[in-house]
Protein backbone atom coordinates (compact mmCIF):
# COMPACT_ATOMS: atom_id res chain seq x y z
CA UNK A 1 93.26 83.97 92.64
CA UNK A 2 96.40 82.66 94.39
CA UNK A 3 98.70 85.46 95.64
CA UNK A 4 96.52 87.94 93.67
CA UNK A 5 96.95 90.96 95.75
CA UNK A 6 100.62 90.30 96.59
CA UNK A 7 101.34 89.89 92.95
CA UNK A 8 99.26 92.99 92.11
CA UNK A 9 101.38 95.13 94.40
CA UNK A 10 104.36 93.81 92.52
CA UNK A 11 103.38 96.04 89.61
CA UNK A 12 105.40 98.54 91.57
CA UNK A 13 108.17 95.95 91.10
CA UNK A 14 110.29 94.99 93.98
CA UNK A 15 113.48 94.67 91.96
CA UNK A 16 113.84 97.99 90.16
CA UNK A 17 115.66 100.27 92.56
CA UNK A 18 119.14 100.70 91.06
CA UNK A 19 119.90 103.71 88.99
CA UNK A 20 119.03 102.35 85.53
CA UNK A 21 115.27 103.04 85.01
CA UNK A 22 112.76 104.89 87.07
CA UNK A 23 110.89 102.13 89.05
CA UNK A 24 108.00 104.13 90.39
CA UNK A 25 105.82 106.52 88.32
CA UNK A 26 107.09 110.07 88.37
CA UNK A 27 103.59 111.51 87.72
CA UNK A 28 100.10 110.60 88.74
CA UNK A 29 98.68 107.66 86.72
CA UNK A 30 95.90 105.08 86.49
CA UNK A 31 96.77 101.82 84.72
CA UNK A 32 94.45 98.97 83.83
CA UNK A 33 96.28 95.62 84.02
CA UNK A 34 95.69 92.00 83.17
CA UNK A 35 97.40 89.54 85.60
CA UNK A 36 97.91 85.98 84.60
CA UNK A 37 99.76 83.00 86.07
CA UNK A 38 99.86 79.27 85.07
CA UNK A 39 96.72 77.35 86.02
CA UNK A 40 94.76 80.46 87.12
CA UNK A 41 92.10 82.57 85.37
CA UNK A 42 93.46 85.92 84.20
CA UNK A 43 92.23 88.84 86.32
CA UNK A 44 91.92 92.53 85.46
CA UNK A 45 92.65 95.24 88.00
CA UNK A 46 93.49 98.90 88.21
CA UNK A 47 96.48 100.56 89.82
CA UNK A 48 96.09 104.28 90.84
CA UNK A 49 99.26 106.11 91.83
CA UNK A 50 99.79 109.45 93.55
CA UNK A 51 103.35 110.38 92.57
CA UNK A 52 103.83 113.25 94.94
CA UNK A 53 102.89 111.23 98.04
CA UNK A 54 103.94 107.84 96.58
CA UNK A 55 100.57 106.32 97.49
CA UNK A 56 99.18 103.42 95.54
CA UNK A 57 95.74 101.83 95.32
CA UNK A 58 95.10 98.46 93.63
CA UNK A 59 91.42 97.74 92.85
CA UNK A 60 90.66 94.01 92.70
CA UNK A 61 87.84 92.69 90.49
CA UNK A 62 86.68 90.78 93.57
CA UNK A 63 85.28 93.88 95.41
CA UNK A 64 88.24 94.77 97.66
CA UNK A 65 91.24 97.01 97.27
CA UNK A 66 94.69 97.58 98.69
CA UNK A 67 96.03 100.87 99.81
CA UNK A 68 99.78 101.25 100.08
CA UNK A 69 101.85 104.08 101.50
CA UNK A 70 105.30 103.34 100.11
CA UNK A 71 107.44 105.77 102.20
CA UNK A 72 105.76 104.56 105.39
CA UNK A 73 106.01 100.81 104.52
CA UNK A 74 102.36 100.34 105.26
CA UNK A 75 99.62 98.60 103.33
CA UNK A 76 96.07 97.58 104.14
CA UNK A 77 93.20 95.74 102.39
CA UNK A 78 89.78 97.47 102.44
CA UNK A 79 86.82 95.06 102.22
CA UNK A 80 83.67 97.14 101.62
CA UNK A 81 81.36 94.17 101.76
CA UNK A 82 82.46 93.53 105.38
CA UNK A 83 82.95 97.20 106.35
CA UNK A 84 86.53 96.20 107.34
CA UNK A 85 90.09 97.37 107.00
CA UNK A 86 92.48 94.51 107.19
CA UNK A 87 96.02 95.29 108.44
CA UNK A 88 98.32 92.53 107.26
CA UNK A 89 102.07 92.27 107.83
CA UNK A 90 102.30 90.41 104.48
CA UNK A 91 101.25 93.61 102.59
CA UNK A 92 103.31 95.99 104.68
CA UNK A 93 106.48 93.82 104.30
CA UNK A 94 106.04 93.81 100.50
CA UNK A 95 105.39 97.61 100.49
CA UNK A 96 108.65 98.19 102.40
CA UNK A 97 110.52 95.87 99.90
CA UNK A 98 109.13 97.82 96.94
CA UNK A 99 110.12 101.16 98.34
CA UNK A 100 113.56 100.20 99.58
CA UNK A 101 114.40 97.66 96.85
CA UNK A 102 118.17 97.31 96.41
CA UNK A 103 120.84 95.31 94.65
CA UNK A 104 118.92 94.55 91.50
CA UNK A 105 120.81 94.02 88.30
CA UNK A 106 119.48 95.43 85.04
CA UNK A 107 120.23 94.32 81.59
CA UNK A 108 118.72 96.39 78.72
CA UNK A 109 117.00 94.14 76.19
CA UNK A 110 115.52 96.52 73.72
CA UNK A 111 112.10 98.17 73.43
CA UNK A 112 108.44 97.28 73.59
CA UNK A 113 105.02 98.70 72.98
CA UNK A 114 101.95 98.10 75.18
CA UNK A 115 98.70 100.04 75.75
CA UNK A 116 99.70 102.52 73.07
CA UNK A 117 103.01 103.52 74.77
CA UNK A 118 106.69 102.69 74.11
CA UNK A 119 108.79 101.21 76.86
CA UNK A 120 112.36 99.98 77.48
CA UNK A 121 112.77 96.24 78.30
CA UNK A 122 115.09 95.09 81.02
CA UNK A 123 116.07 91.74 82.45
CA UNK A 124 115.96 92.33 86.25
CA UNK A 125 117.59 89.91 88.70
CA UNK A 126 117.90 90.08 92.48
CA UNK A 127 118.17 87.58 95.37
CA UNK A 128 114.33 86.83 95.11
CA UNK A 129 114.11 85.97 91.43
CA UNK A 130 114.17 87.27 87.95
CA UNK A 131 111.89 89.19 85.62
CA UNK A 132 111.56 90.92 82.36
CA UNK A 133 110.03 94.35 82.79
CA UNK A 134 109.14 96.96 80.16
CA UNK A 135 109.13 100.51 81.66
CA UNK A 136 108.18 103.88 80.27
CA UNK A 137 110.72 106.67 80.81
CA UNK A 138 108.52 107.93 83.62
CA UNK A 139 108.44 104.66 85.56
CA UNK A 140 105.19 103.10 84.48
CA UNK A 141 105.42 99.24 84.11
CA UNK A 142 103.67 98.28 80.91
CA UNK A 143 104.59 94.58 80.95
CA UNK A 144 106.17 92.38 83.54
CA UNK A 145 106.97 88.66 83.45
CA UNK A 146 108.46 87.39 86.70
CA UNK A 147 109.51 84.22 88.43
CA UNK A 148 110.46 83.45 91.99
CA UNK A 149 110.25 80.48 94.40
CA UNK A 150 106.47 80.86 94.53
CA UNK A 151 105.93 80.60 90.74
CA UNK A 152 105.49 82.84 87.78
CA UNK A 153 103.19 85.73 86.86
CA UNK A 154 102.64 87.95 83.83
CA UNK A 155 101.25 91.51 84.08
CA UNK A 156 100.27 93.54 81.00
CA UNK A 157 98.95 97.09 80.85
CA UNK A 158 95.83 97.45 78.68
CA UNK A 159 95.36 101.18 79.24
CA UNK A 160 97.24 104.03 80.81
CA UNK A 161 95.75 107.38 81.89
CA UNK A 162 97.99 110.23 83.05
CA UNK A 163 95.48 112.08 85.15
CA UNK A 164 95.60 113.68 88.60
CA UNK A 165 94.58 111.14 91.23
CA UNK A 166 92.29 112.49 94.02
CA UNK A 167 93.68 112.14 97.51
CA UNK A 168 90.46 110.45 98.80
CA UNK A 169 91.13 107.46 96.61
CA UNK A 170 94.11 106.63 98.85
CA UNK A 171 92.25 106.87 102.22
CA UNK A 172 90.44 104.14 103.98
CA UNK A 173 86.74 104.79 104.59
CA UNK A 174 85.81 106.18 107.99
CA UNK A 175 83.82 103.92 110.23
CA UNK A 176 85.18 100.63 108.90
CA UNK A 177 86.25 98.11 111.54
CA UNK A 178 89.93 97.36 111.80
CA UNK A 179 91.08 93.68 111.59
CA UNK A 180 94.67 92.64 112.31
CA UNK A 181 96.01 89.41 110.74
CA UNK A 182 99.17 87.65 111.83
CA UNK A 183 101.91 87.05 109.23
CA UNK A 184 101.02 84.50 106.63
CA UNK A 185 97.21 84.61 107.33
CA UNK A 186 96.33 86.86 104.45
CA UNK A 187 97.99 84.49 101.91
CA UNK A 188 96.03 81.54 103.39
CA UNK A 189 92.74 83.56 103.09
CA UNK A 190 93.45 84.44 99.46
CA UNK A 191 94.24 80.89 98.41
CA UNK A 192 91.52 79.51 96.03
CA UNK A 193 89.71 76.39 97.26
CA UNK A 194 91.46 73.18 96.23
């Protein structure tokens, strides 16, 4: 799916850094999401988050996953089928943007309810685009509809589990071969065939 993993990382939402709502989960959580965008088949994936270390893991339905270390501004894609760990500047740049997001404007829009939880809706705007995000008080995004120069995407939580996340979920497997991609190469690889 076009931009699947880059959009999946956006569940941590690049525009939510000003004081209004919490923009990263404040406790460990695993969230099942459905991601959809115009002209694409909807995809389900899971976000796991370690709040103490600010580590994220996004499991794709296509057999690979992304590990993100937000404070370090690092991200990598793990492809078990290839026994490979792909270092891609595209992911790390987005991870840095998420962690250091600034200058967003928040306009409260009311409340919402997704995956059995209440959330507060905000219109969020920054230099990259605009979105409507529904956030729990502890920083979990339950619904997100965003638009930027690359298109639109909608993210909806289908289940939320506040459970401790084991550290090993956020570590790349030993013995996998490292692969380095130049900027822009990952996006090209993830493009669906035309």
